[in-house]
Amino acid sequence: MEKMATWDPNQGKVVKLDAILNQGVTIGSNLKHTVDDLHDILHSYYKVARKRFVDIVCMQAADYFLVAGHDAPIKVFSPKFVSELTNEQLEAIAGEDLVSKRKREDLKRKIENLESGKKIALS
């Protein structure tokens, strides 16, 4: 715009409308703005779609190799195999850790004590 400006003694620096229209500034800038907006929208969509695609591929790979595939390690634990395990074996494989057991037993005792106290208080 600065290059198109001329000096007018009454108004100072001015840009003639003909100079702007001859440059095609408004048409070109509106078109470029629309193209830039569409590009930004498509670029944002691409980034989201790419992340989602990677997530799905990872989930499917984990599902196939760990759970559903032919050689998946979870296949070892068939219903027949699990039903033949002893309680000790089941506890060793899938039992809760000692800290959780102790905390649960502690909470059970506290509940029993509170219920006993409630009965005493109500009678």
C-alpha atoms as a PDB file:
ATOM      1  CA  MET A   1       0.000   0.000   0.000  1.00  0.00           C
ATOM      2  CA  GLU A   2       2.857   2.333   0.808  1.00  0.00           C
ATOM      3  CA  LYS A   3       4.141   2.056  -2.767  1.00  0.00           C
ATOM      4  CA  MET A   4       0.741   3.083  -4.152  1.00  0.00           C
ATOM      5  CA  ALA A   5       0.440   6.145  -1.904  1.00  0.00           C
ATOM      6  CA  THR A   6       0.711   9.651  -3.326  1.00  0.00           C
ATOM      7  CA  TRP A   7       0.872  13.002  -1.636  1.00  0.00           C
ATOM      8  CA  ASP A   8      -2.138  15.266  -1.751  1.00  0.00           C
ATOM      9  CA  PRO A   9      -1.598  18.822  -0.454  1.00  0.00           C
ATOM     10  CA  ASN A  10      -5.098  18.934   1.097  1.00  0.00           C
ATOM     11  CA  GLN A  11      -5.306  15.432   2.639  1.00  0.00           C
ATOM     12  CA  GLY A  12      -1.710  14.277   2.998  1.00  0.00           C
ATOM     13  CA  LYS A  13      -0.797  10.738   1.959  1.00  0.00           C
ATOM     14  CA  VAL A  14      -3.567   9.027  -0.003  1.00  0.00           C
ATOM     15  CA  VAL A  15      -4.012   5.860  -2.016  1.00  0.00           C
ATOM     16  CA  LYS A  16      -6.256   6.131  -5.034  1.00  0.00           C
ATOM     17  CA  LEU A  17      -9.022   3.562  -5.369  1.00  0.00           C
ATOM     18  CA  ASP A  18      -8.052   2.849  -8.975  1.00  0.00           C
ATOM     19  CA  ALA A  19      -4.560   1.841  -7.842  1.00  0.00           C
ATOM     20  CA  ILE A  20      -5.992  -0.659  -5.355  1.00  0.00           C
ATOM     21  CA  LEU A  21      -8.483  -2.155  -7.808  1.00  0.00           C
ATOM     22  CA  ASN A  22      -5.823  -2.498 -10.493  1.00  0.00           C
ATOM     23  CA  GLN A  23      -3.690  -4.511  -8.071  1.00  0.00           C
ATOM     24  CA  GLY A  24      -6.474  -7.049  -7.435  1.00  0.00           C
ATOM     25  CA  VAL A  25      -5.752  -6.896  -3.707  1.00  0.00           C
ATOM     26  CA  THR A  26      -9.259  -7.571  -2.401  1.00  0.00           C
ATOM     27  CA  ILE A  27     -10.072 -10.482  -4.694  1.00  0.00           C
ATOM     28  CA  GLY A  28      -6.706 -12.134  -4.243  1.00  0.00           C
ATOM     29  CA  SER A  29      -6.594 -11.649  -0.496  1.00  0.00           C
ATOM     30  CA  ASN A  30     -10.122 -13.029  -0.004  1.00  0.00           C
ATOM     31  CA  LEU A  31      -9.296 -16.081  -2.087  1.00  0.00           C
ATOM     32  CA  LYS A  32      -5.994 -16.580  -0.290  1.00  0.00           C
ATOM     33  CA  HIS A  33      -7.712 -16.167   3.074  1.00  0.00           C
ATOM     34  CA  THR A  34     -10.283 -18.837   2.148  1.00  0.00           C
ATOM     35  CA  VAL A  35      -7.565 -21.184   0.907  1.00  0.00           C
ATOM     36  CA  ASP A  36      -5.541 -20.625   4.085  1.00  0.00           C
ATOM     37  CA  ASP A  37      -8.603 -21.321   6.256  1.00  0.00           C
ATOM     38  CA  LEU A  38      -9.337 -24.559   4.402  1.00  0.00           C
ATOM     39  CA  HIS A  39      -5.691 -25.576   4.632  1.00  0.00           C
ATOM     40  CA  ASP A  40      -5.681 -24.985   8.405  1.00  0.00           C
ATOM     41  CA  ILE A  41      -8.892 -26.988   8.851  1.00  0.00           C
ATOM     42  CA  LEU A  42      -7.592 -29.916   6.804  1.00  0.00           C
ATOM     43  CA  HIS A  43      -4.224 -29.815   8.559  1.00  0.00           C
ATOM     44  CA  SER A  44      -5.911 -29.930  11.981  1.00  0.00           C
ATOM     45  CA  TYR A  45      -8.128 -32.814  10.894  1.00  0.00           C
ATOM     46  CA  TYR A  46      -5.094 -34.675   9.532  1.00  0.00           C
ATOM     47  CA  LYS A  47      -3.241 -34.329  12.847  1.00  0.00           C
ATOM     48  CA  VAL A  48      -6.203 -35.676  14.834  1.00  0.00           C
ATOM     49  CA  ALA A  49      -6.860 -38.491  12.349  1.00  0.00           C
ATOM     50  CA  ARG A  50      -3.176 -39.490  12.344  1.00  0.00           C
ATOM     51  CA  LYS A  51      -3.067 -39.707  16.152  1.00  0.00           C
ATOM     52  CA  ARG A  52      -6.273 -41.747  16.210  1.00  0.00           C
ATOM     53  CA  PHE A  53      -4.934 -44.076  13.499  1.00  0.00           C
ATOM     54  CA  VAL A  54      -1.741 -44.715  15.480  1.00  0.00           C
ATOM     55  CA  ASP A  55      -3.802 -45.377  18.633  1.00  0.00           C
ATOM     56  CA  ILE A  56      -6.013 -47.893  16.834  1.00  0.00           C
ATOM     57  CA  VAL A  57      -3.053 -49.705  15.269  1.00  0.00           C
ATOM     58  CA  CYS A  58      -1.389 -49.979  18.689  1.00  0.00           C
ATOM     59  CA  MET A  59      -4.592 -51.251  20.330  1.00  0.00           C
ATOM     60  CA  GLN A  60      -5.160 -53.834  17.600  1.00  0.00           C
ATOM     61  CA  ALA A  61      -1.546 -55.015  17.770  1.00  0.00           C
ATOM     62  CA  ALA A  62      -1.701 -55.368  21.547  1.00  0.00           C
ATOM     63  CA  ASP A  63      -5.043 -57.156  21.331  1.00  0.00           C
ATOM     64  CA  TYR A  64      -3.791 -59.593  18.702  1.00  0.00           C
ATOM     65  CA  PHE A  65      -0.403 -60.378  20.231  1.00  0.00           C
ATOM     66  CA  LEU A  66      -1.534 -60.470  23.879  1.00  0.00           C
ATOM     67  CA  VAL A  67      -5.174 -61.574  23.853  1.00  0.00           C
ATOM     68  CA  ALA A  68      -6.739 -62.839  20.651  1.00  0.00           C
ATOM     69  CA  GLY A  69      -3.885 -64.051  18.426  1.00  0.00           C
ATOM     70  CA  HIS A  70      -3.033 -67.690  17.730  1.00  0.00           C
ATOM     71  CA  ASP A  71       0.083 -67.626  19.954  1.00  0.00           C
ATOM     72  CA  ALA A  72      -1.219 -65.111  22.500  1.00  0.00           C
ATOM     73  CA  PRO A  73       0.073 -65.769  26.028  1.00  0.00           C
ATOM     74  CA  ILE A  74      -3.416 -65.397  27.511  1.00  0.00           C
ATOM     75  CA  LYS A  75      -4.537 -68.499  25.579  1.00  0.00           C
ATOM     76  CA  VAL A  76      -2.638 -70.555  28.167  1.00  0.00           C
ATOM     77  CA  PHE A  77      -5.328 -69.660  30.701  1.00  0.00           C
ATOM     78  CA  SER A  78      -8.160 -71.596  29.113  1.00  0.00           C
ATOM     79  CA  PRO A  79     -11.208 -72.365  31.266  1.00  0.00           C
ATOM     80  CA  LYS A  80     -10.132 -76.018  31.490  1.00  0.00           C
ATOM     81  CA  PHE A  81      -6.607 -75.098  32.616  1.00  0.00           C
ATOM     82  CA  VAL A  82      -7.836 -72.613  35.226  1.00  0.00           C
ATOM     83  CA  SER A  83     -10.446 -75.018  36.614  1.00  0.00           C
ATOM     84  CA  GLU A  84      -7.722 -77.590  37.278  1.00  0.00           C
ATOM     85  CA  LEU A  85      -5.567 -75.199  39.337  1.00  0.00           C
ATOM     86  CA  THR A  86      -5.485 -75.500  43.110  1.00  0.00           C
ATOM     87  CA  ASN A  87      -6.457 -72.590  45.356  1.00  0.00           C
ATOM     88  CA  GLU A  88      -2.793 -72.008  46.200  1.00  0.00           C
ATOM     89  CA  GLN A  89      -1.853 -71.858  42.517  1.00  0.00           C
ATOM     90  CA  LEU A  90      -4.715 -69.462  41.766  1.00  0.00           C
ATOM     91  CA  GLU A  91      -3.669 -67.289  44.694  1.00  0.00           C
ATOM     92  CA  ALA A  92      -0.066 -67.236  43.442  1.00  0.00           C
ATOM     93  CA  ILE A  93      -1.122 -66.305  39.903  1.00  0.00           C
ATOM     94  CA  ALA A  94      -4.006 -63.906  40.469  1.00  0.00           C
ATOM     95  CA  GLY A  95      -4.152 -63.211  44.196  1.00  0.00           C
ATOM     96  CA  GLU A  96      -3.922 -59.762  45.698  1.00  0.00           C
ATOM     97  CA  ASP A  97      -0.712 -58.569  47.320  1.00  0.00           C
ATOM     98  CA  LEU A  98      -0.095 -58.732  51.071  1.00  0.00           C
ATOM     99  CA  VAL A  99      -0.487 -54.987  51.599  1.00  0.00           C
ATOM    100  CA  SER A 100      -3.979 -55.017  50.059  1.00  0.00           C
ATOM    101  CA  LYS A 101      -4.981 -58.112  52.053  1.00  0.00           C
ATOM    102  CA  ARG A 102      -3.852 -56.584  55.331  1.00  0.00           C
ATOM    103  CA  LYS A 103      -5.587 -53.298  54.590  1.00  0.00           C
ATOM    104  CA  ARG A 104      -8.834 -55.093  53.664  1.00  0.00           C
ATOM    105  CA  GLU A 105      -8.712 -57.175  56.871  1.00  0.00           C
ATOM    106  CA  ASP A 106      -7.982 -54.029  58.873  1.00  0.00           C
ATOM    107  CA  LEU A 107     -10.967 -52.260  57.332  1.00  0.00           C
ATOM    108  CA  LYS A 108     -13.219 -55.270  58.015  1.00  0.00           C
ATOM    109  CA  ARG A 109     -12.208 -55.174  61.691  1.00  0.00           C
ATOM    110  CA  LYS A 110     -12.893 -51.438  61.877  1.00  0.00           C
ATOM    111  CA  ILE A 111     -16.331 -51.933  60.299  1.00  0.00           C
ATOM    112  CA  GLU A 112     -17.154 -54.692  62.804  1.00  0.00           C
ATOM    113  CA  ASN A 113     -16.016 -52.493  65.712  1.00  0.00           C
ATOM    114  CA  LEU A 114     -18.072 -49.545  64.451  1.00  0.00           C
ATOM    115  CA  GLU A 115     -21.173 -51.723  63.989  1.00  0.00           C
ATOM    116  CA  SER A 116     -20.736 -53.100  67.516  1.00  0.00           C
ATOM    117  CA  GLY A 117     -20.400 -49.557  68.851  1.00  0.00           C
ATOM    118  CA  LYS A 118     -23.515 -48.494  66.932  1.00  0.00           C
ATOM    119  CA  LYS A 119     -25.540 -51.359  68.451  1.00  0.00           C
ATOM    120  CA  ILE A 120     -24.352 -50.406  71.934  1.00  0.00           C
ATOM    121  CA  ALA A 121     -25.154 -46.723  71.351  1.00  0.00           C
ATOM    122  CA  LEU A 122     -28.664 -47.498  70.041  1.00  0.00           C
ATOM    123  CA  SER A 123     -29.597 -49.778  72.942  1.00  0.00           C
END
